[in-house]
């Protein structure tokens, strides 16, 4: 978890990182959005995706996504 003080707003903001088996999997931002991280075979992180852009292997969207 990362905490930052926004002096202009006089607010503390939090970014939470989700780690599974020592690997970063997702990030929750202060505006409560969750971004899933995906890595290529060379270990480079691809652009994060939101739940609405995640697709199952069969090509269908996640339940409840648009």
PDB file of N, CA and C in Angstrom:
ATOM      1  N   UNK A   1       0.839  -1.158   0.000  1.00  0.00           N
ATOM      2  CA  UNK A   1       0.000   0.000   0.000  1.00  0.00           C
ATOM      3  C   UNK A   1       0.897   1.237   0.000  1.00  0.00           C
ATOM      4  N   UNK A   2       0.515   2.185  -0.796  1.00  0.00           N
ATOM      5  CA  UNK A   2       1.277   3.426  -0.900  1.00  0.00           C
ATOM      6  C   UNK A   2       0.369   4.576  -0.476  1.00  0.00           C
ATOM      7  N   UNK A   3       0.842   5.407   0.443  1.00  0.00           N
ATOM      8  CA  UNK A   3       0.095   6.576   0.896  1.00  0.00           C
ATOM      9  C   UNK A   3       0.788   7.832   0.395  1.00  0.00           C
ATOM     10  N   UNK A   4      -0.013   8.780  -0.089  1.00  0.00           N
ATOM     11  CA  UNK A   4       0.521  10.063  -0.568  1.00  0.00           C
ATOM     12  C   UNK A   4      -0.313  11.191   0.019  1.00  0.00           C
ATOM     13  N   UNK A   5       0.362  12.268   0.422  1.00  0.00           N
ATOM     14  CA  UNK A   5      -0.335  13.449   0.909  1.00  0.00           C
ATOM     15  C   UNK A   5      -0.461  14.428  -0.244  1.00  0.00           C
ATOM     16  N   UNK A   6      -1.695  14.770  -0.595  1.00  0.00           N
ATOM     17  CA  UNK A   6      -1.969  15.777  -1.616  1.00  0.00           C
ATOM     18  C   UNK A   6      -2.128  17.102  -0.881  1.00  0.00           C
ATOM     19  N   UNK A   7      -1.069  17.909  -0.907  1.00  0.00           N
ATOM     20  CA  UNK A   7      -1.075  19.173  -0.169  1.00  0.00           C
ATOM     21  C   UNK A   7      -2.125  20.144  -0.695  1.00  0.00           C
ATOM     22  N   UNK A   8      -2.400  20.118  -1.988  1.00  0.00           N
ATOM     23  CA  UNK A   8      -3.380  21.043  -2.561  1.00  0.00           C
ATOM     24  C   UNK A   8      -4.779  20.754  -2.021  1.00  0.00           C
ATOM     25  N   UNK A   9      -5.121  19.482  -1.863  1.00  0.00           N
ATOM     26  CA  UNK A   9      -6.446  19.096  -1.371  1.00  0.00           C
ATOM     27  C   UNK A   9      -6.451  18.852   0.133  1.00  0.00           C
ATOM     28  N   UNK A  10      -5.247  18.775   0.731  1.00  0.00           N
ATOM     29  CA  UNK A  10      -5.084  18.450   2.147  1.00  0.00           C
ATOM     30  C   UNK A  10      -5.746  17.099   2.460  1.00  0.00           C
ATOM     31  N   UNK A  11      -5.424  16.103   1.596  1.00  0.00           N
ATOM     32  CA  UNK A  11      -6.007  14.763   1.706  1.00  0.00           C
ATOM     33  C   UNK A  11      -4.902  13.727   1.539  1.00  0.00           C
ATOM     34  N   UNK A  12      -5.028  12.624   2.254  1.00  0.00           N
ATOM     35  CA  UNK A  12      -4.126  11.488   2.068  1.00  0.00           C
ATOM     36  C   UNK A  12      -4.796  10.530   1.094  1.00  0.00           C
ATOM     37  N   UNK A  13      -4.071  10.147   0.024  1.00  0.00           N
ATOM     38  CA  UNK A  13      -4.592   9.197  -0.963  1.00  0.00           C
ATOM     39  C   UNK A  13      -3.834   7.885  -0.841  1.00  0.00           C
ATOM     40  N   UNK A  14      -4.515   6.803  -1.163  1.00  0.00           N
ATOM     41  CA  UNK A  14      -3.938   5.472  -1.019  1.00  0.00           C
ATOM     42  C   UNK A  14      -4.020   4.712  -2.346  1.00  0.00           C
ATOM     43  N   UNK A  15      -2.933   4.058  -2.711  1.00  0.00           N
ATOM     44  CA  UNK A  15      -2.913   3.130  -3.841  1.00  0.00           C
ATOM     45  C   UNK A  15      -2.552   1.765  -3.276  1.00  0.00           C
ATOM     46  N   UNK A  16      -3.379   0.773  -3.567  1.00  0.00           N
ATOM     47  CA  UNK A  16      -3.131  -0.568  -3.049  1.00  0.00           C
ATOM     48  C   UNK A  16      -2.677  -1.482  -4.173  1.00  0.00           C
ATOM     49  N   UNK A  17      -1.611  -2.234  -3.914  1.00  0.00           N
ATOM     50  CA  UNK A  17      -1.095  -3.209  -4.871  1.00  0.00           C
ATOM     51  C   UNK A  17      -1.460  -4.605  -4.388  1.00  0.00           C
ATOM     52  N   UNK A  18      -1.964  -5.429  -5.303  1.00  0.00           N
ATOM     53  CA  UNK A  18      -2.310  -6.810  -4.982  1.00  0.00           C
ATOM     54  C   UNK A  18      -1.213  -7.727  -5.519  1.00  0.00           C
ATOM     55  N   UNK A  19      -0.605  -8.501  -4.625  1.00  0.00           N
ATOM     56  CA  UNK A  19       0.500  -9.393  -4.963  1.00  0.00           C
ATOM     57  C   UNK A  19       0.037 -10.830  -4.729  1.00  0.00           C
ATOM     58  N   UNK A  20       0.257 -11.701  -5.720  1.00  0.00           N
ATOM     59  CA  UNK A  20      -0.066 -13.115  -5.582  1.00  0.00           C
ATOM     60  C   UNK A  20       1.179 -13.917  -5.934  1.00  0.00           C
ATOM     61  N   UNK A  21       1.595 -14.771  -5.028  1.00  0.00           N
ATOM     62  CA  UNK A  21       2.814 -15.581  -5.208  1.00  0.00           C
ATOM     63  C   UNK A  21       4.021 -14.717  -5.552  1.00  0.00           C
ATOM     64  N   UNK A  22       4.115 -13.541  -4.931  1.00  0.00           N
ATOM     65  CA  UNK A  22       5.257 -12.660  -5.137  1.00  0.00           C
ATOM     66  C   UNK A  22       5.205 -11.840  -6.413  1.00  0.00           C
ATOM     67  N   UNK A  23       4.140 -11.968  -7.192  1.00  0.00           N
ATOM     68  CA  UNK A  23       4.012 -11.238  -8.458  1.00  0.00           C
ATOM     69  C   UNK A  23       2.889 -10.211  -8.363  1.00  0.00           C
ATOM     70  N   UNK A  24       3.128  -8.976  -8.856  1.00  0.00           N
ATOM     71  CA  UNK A  24       2.050  -7.985  -8.847  1.00  0.00           C
ATOM     72  C   UNK A  24       0.950  -8.389  -9.823  1.00  0.00           C
ATOM     73  N   UNK A  25      -0.303  -8.344  -9.384  1.00  0.00           N
ATOM     74  CA  UNK A  25      -1.433  -8.763 -10.213  1.00  0.00           C
ATOM     75  C   UNK A  25      -2.395  -7.628 -10.524  1.00  0.00           C
ATOM     76  N   UNK A  26      -2.584  -6.695  -9.572  1.00  0.00           N
ATOM     77  CA  UNK A  26      -3.570  -5.636  -9.767  1.00  0.00           C
ATOM     78  C   UNK A  26      -3.216  -4.440  -8.890  1.00  0.00           C
ATOM     79  N   UNK A  27      -3.799  -3.295  -9.243  1.00  0.00           N
ATOM     80  CA  UNK A  27      -3.604  -2.053  -8.497  1.00  0.00           C
ATOM     81  C   UNK A  27      -4.974  -1.402  -8.318  1.00  0.00           C
ATOM     82  N   UNK A  28      -5.274  -0.961  -7.092  1.00  0.00           N
ATOM     83  CA  UNK A  28      -6.491  -0.182  -6.836  1.00  0.00           C
ATOM     84  C   UNK A  28      -6.060   1.265  -6.607  1.00  0.00           C
ATOM     85  N   UNK A  29      -6.626   2.180  -7.380  1.00  0.00           N
ATOM     86  CA  UNK A  29      -6.252   3.589  -7.335  1.00  0.00           C
ATOM     87  C   UNK A  29      -7.145   4.364  -6.373  1.00  0.00           C
ATOM     88  N   UNK A  30      -6.764   5.609  -6.030  1.00  0.00           N
ATOM     89  CA  UNK A  30      -7.574   6.394  -5.086  1.00  0.00           C
ATOM     90  C   UNK A  30      -9.020   6.601  -5.526  1.00  0.00           C
ATOM     91  N   UNK A  31      -9.289   6.588  -6.827  1.00  0.00           N
ATOM     92  CA  UNK A  31     -10.667   6.753  -7.295  1.00  0.00           C
ATOM     93  C   UNK A  31     -11.427   5.421  -7.305  1.00  0.00           C
ATOM     94  N   UNK A  32     -10.861   4.400  -6.639  1.00  0.00           N
ATOM     95  CA  UNK A  32     -11.470   3.082  -6.430  1.00  0.00           C
ATOM     96  C   UNK A  32     -11.587   2.254  -7.711  1.00  0.00           C
ATOM     97  N   UNK A  33     -10.747   2.530  -8.707  1.00  0.00           N
ATOM     98  CA  UNK A  33     -10.678   1.695  -9.903  1.00  0.00           C
ATOM     99  C   UNK A  33      -9.630   0.611  -9.685  1.00  0.00           C
ATOM    100  N   UNK A  34      -9.883  -0.575 -10.237  1.00  0.00           N
ATOM    101  CA  UNK A  34      -8.931  -1.677 -10.153  1.00  0.00           C
ATOM    102  C   UNK A  34      -8.383  -1.925 -11.551  1.00  0.00           C
ATOM    103  N   UNK A  35      -7.060  -1.984 -11.654  1.00  0.00           N
ATOM    104  CA  UNK A  35      -6.396  -2.259 -12.925  1.00  0.00           C
ATOM    105  C   UNK A  35      -5.622  -3.560 -12.782  1.00  0.00           C
ATOM    106  N   UNK A  36      -5.861  -4.484 -13.717  1.00  0.00           N
ATOM    107  CA  UNK A  36      -5.179  -5.767 -13.711  1.00  0.00           C
ATOM    108  C   UNK A  36      -3.915  -5.664 -14.558  1.00  0.00           C
ATOM    109  N   UNK A  37      -2.815  -6.215 -14.047  1.00  0.00           N
ATOM    110  CA  UNK A  37      -1.535  -6.158 -14.736  1.00  0.00           C
ATOM    111  C   UNK A  37      -1.299  -7.466 -15.481  1.00  0.00           C
ATOM    112  N   UNK A  38      -0.736  -7.357 -16.660  1.00  0.00           N
ATOM    113  CA  UNK A  38      -0.405  -8.547 -17.451  1.00  0.00           C
ATOM    114  C   UNK A  38       1.025  -8.386 -17.956  1.00  0.00           C
ATOM    115  N   UNK A  39       1.777  -9.467 -17.920  1.00  0.00           N
ATOM    116  CA  UNK A  39       3.177  -9.430 -18.326  1.00  0.00           C
ATOM    117  C   UNK A  39       3.395 -10.330 -19.533  1.00  0.00           C
ATOM    118  N   UNK A  40       4.277  -9.892 -20.429  1.00  0.00           N
ATOM    119  CA  UNK A  40       4.612 -10.722 -21.580  1.00  0.00           C
ATOM    120  C   UNK A  40       5.707 -11.709 -21.178  1.00  0.00           C
ATOM    121  N   UNK A  41       6.109 -12.633 -22.066  1.00  0.00           N
ATOM    122  CA  UNK A  41       7.107 -13.642 -21.709  1.00  0.00           C
ATOM    123  C   UNK A  41       8.462 -13.063 -21.291  1.00  0.00           C
ATOM    124  N   UNK A  42       8.759 -11.824 -21.692  1.00  0.00           N
ATOM    125  CA  UNK A  42      10.024 -11.194 -21.303  1.00  0.00           C
ATOM    126  C   UNK A  42       9.917 -10.487 -19.956  1.00  0.00           C
ATOM    127  N   UNK A  43       8.737 -10.524 -19.340  1.00  0.00           N
ATOM    128  CA  UNK A  43       8.559  -9.910 -18.034  1.00  0.00           C
ATOM    129  C   UNK A  43       8.176  -8.440 -18.075  1.00  0.00           C
ATOM    130  N   UNK A  44       7.901  -7.908 -19.259  1.00  0.00           N
ATOM    131  CA  UNK A  44       7.496  -6.505 -19.373  1.00  0.00           C
ATOM    132  C   UNK A  44       6.006  -6.395 -19.112  1.00  0.00           C
ATOM    133  N   UNK A  45       5.626  -5.340 -18.412  1.00  0.00           N
ATOM    134  CA  UNK A  45       4.209  -5.138 -18.095  1.00  0.00           C
ATOM    135  C   UNK A  45       3.502  -4.508 -19.276  1.00  0.00           C
ATOM    136  N   UNK A  46       2.399  -5.129 -19.692  1.00  0.00           N
ATOM    137  CA  UNK A  46       1.560  -4.561 -20.750  1.00  0.00           C
ATOM    138  C   UNK A  46       0.679  -3.492 -20.125  1.00  0.00           C
ATOM    139  N   UNK A  47       0.057  -2.637 -20.931  1.00  0.00           N
ATOM    140  CA  UNK A  47      -0.815  -1.612 -20.347  1.00  0.00           C
ATOM    141  C   UNK A  47      -1.880  -2.249 -19.461  1.00  0.00           C
ATOM    142  N   UNK A  48      -2.124  -1.659 -18.293  1.00  0.00           N
ATOM    143  CA  UNK A  48      -3.118  -2.252 -17.386  1.00  0.00           C
ATOM    144  C   UNK A  48      -4.504  -2.278 -18.007  1.00  0.00           C
ATOM    145  N   UNK A  49      -5.307  -3.268 -17.622  1.00  0.00           N
ATOM    146  CA  UNK A  49      -6.661  -3.366 -18.147  1.00  0.00           C
ATOM    147  C   UNK A  49      -7.656  -3.290 -16.997  1.00  0.00           C
ATOM    148  N   UNK A  50      -8.827  -2.766 -17.284  1.00  0.00           N
ATOM    149  CA  UNK A  50      -9.898  -2.675 -16.300  1.00  0.00           C
ATOM    150  C   UNK A  50     -10.787  -3.903 -16.448  1.00  0.00           C
ATOM    151  N   UNK A  51     -11.642  -4.192 -15.470  1.00  0.00           N
ATOM    152  CA  UNK A  51     -12.509  -5.368 -15.591  1.00  0.00           C
ATOM    153  C   UNK A  51     -13.356  -5.359 -16.853  1.00  0.00           C
ATOM    154  N   UNK A  52     -13.754  -4.192 -17.340  1.00  0.00           N
ATOM    155  CA  UNK A  52     -14.590  -4.127 -18.543  1.00  0.00           C
ATOM    156  C   UNK A  52     -13.824  -4.550 -19.792  1.00  0.00           C
ATOM    157  N   UNK A  53     -12.483  -4.494 -19.755  1.00  0.00           N
ATOM    158  CA  UNK A  53     -11.702  -4.859 -20.942  1.00  0.00           C
ATOM    159  C   UNK A  53     -11.104  -6.257 -20.846  1.00  0.00           C
ATOM    160  N   UNK A  54     -11.277  -6.935 -19.714  1.00  0.00           N
ATOM    161  CA  UNK A  54     -10.742  -8.291 -19.549  1.00  0.00           C
ATOM    162  C   UNK A  54     -11.671  -9.264 -20.254  1.00  0.00           C
ATOM    163  N   UNK A  55     -11.104 -10.147 -21.061  1.00  0.00           N
ATOM    164  CA  UNK A  55     -11.889 -11.149 -21.796  1.00  0.00           C
ATOM    165  C   UNK A  55     -11.469 -12.543 -21.362  1.00  0.00           C
ATOM    166  N   UNK A  56     -12.423 -13.450 -21.353  1.00  0.00           N
ATOM    167  CA  UNK A  56     -12.109 -14.833 -21.030  1.00  0.00           C
ATOM    168  C   UNK A  56     -11.464 -15.486 -22.252  1.00  0.00           C
ATOM    169  N   UNK A  57     -10.777 -16.629 -22.078  1.00  0.00           N
ATOM    170  CA  UNK A  57     -10.167 -17.314 -23.222  1.00  0.00           C
ATOM    171  C   UNK A  57     -11.171 -17.655 -24.321  1.00  0.00           C
ATOM    172  N   UNK A  58     -12.450 -17.822 -23.957  1.00  0.00           N
ATOM    173  CA  UNK A  58     -13.445 -18.149 -24.972  1.00  0.00           C
ATOM    174  C   UNK A  58     -13.920 -16.920 -25.742  1.00  0.00           C
ATOM    175  N   UNK A  59     -13.455 -15.728 -25.331  1.00  0.00           N
ATOM    176  CA  UNK A  59     -13.804 -14.508 -26.031  1.00  0.00           C
ATOM    177  C   UNK A  59     -14.960 -13.750 -25.427  1.00  0.00           C
ATOM    178  N   UNK A  60     -15.673 -14.338 -24.481  1.00  0.00           N
ATOM    179  CA  UNK A  60     -16.785 -13.651 -23.837  1.00  0.00           C
ATOM    180  C   UNK A  60     -16.298 -12.716 -22.760  1.00  0.00           C
ATOM    181  N   UNK A  61     -17.085 -11.707 -22.436  1.00  0.00           N
ATOM    182  CA  UNK A  61     -16.742 -10.775 -21.380  1.00  0.00           C
ATOM    183  C   UNK A  61     -17.002 -11.402 -20.019  1.00  0.00           C
ATOM    184  N   UNK A  62     -16.523 -10.765 -18.986  1.00  0.00           N
ATOM    185  CA  UNK A  62     -16.788 -11.224 -17.634  1.00  0.00           C
ATOM    186  C   UNK A  62     -18.246 -10.979 -17.287  1.00  0.00           C
ATOM    187  N   UNK A  63     -18.840 -11.795 -16.454  1.00  0.00           N
ATOM    188  CA  UNK A  63     -20.240 -11.576 -16.071  1.00  0.00           C
ATOM    189  C   UNK A  63     -20.419 -10.182 -15.480  1.00  0.00           C
ATOM    190  N   UNK A  64     -21.444  -9.488 -15.949  1.00  0.00           N
ATOM    191  CA  UNK A  64     -21.735  -8.167 -15.449  1.00  0.00           C
ATOM    192  C   UNK A  64     -20.966  -7.059 -16.129  1.00  0.00           C
ATOM    193  N   UNK A  65     -20.043  -7.396 -17.044  1.00  0.00           N
ATOM    194  CA  UNK A  65     -19.284  -6.347 -17.740  1.00  0.00           C
ATOM    195  C   UNK A  65     -20.051  -5.904 -18.964  1.00  0.00           C
ATOM    196  N   UNK A  66     -19.710  -4.716 -19.443  1.00  0.00           N
ATOM    197  CA  UNK A  66     -20.390  -4.188 -20.635  1.00  0.00           C
ATOM    198  C   UNK A  66     -19.476  -4.225 -21.835  1.00  0.00           C
TER     199      UNK A  66
END
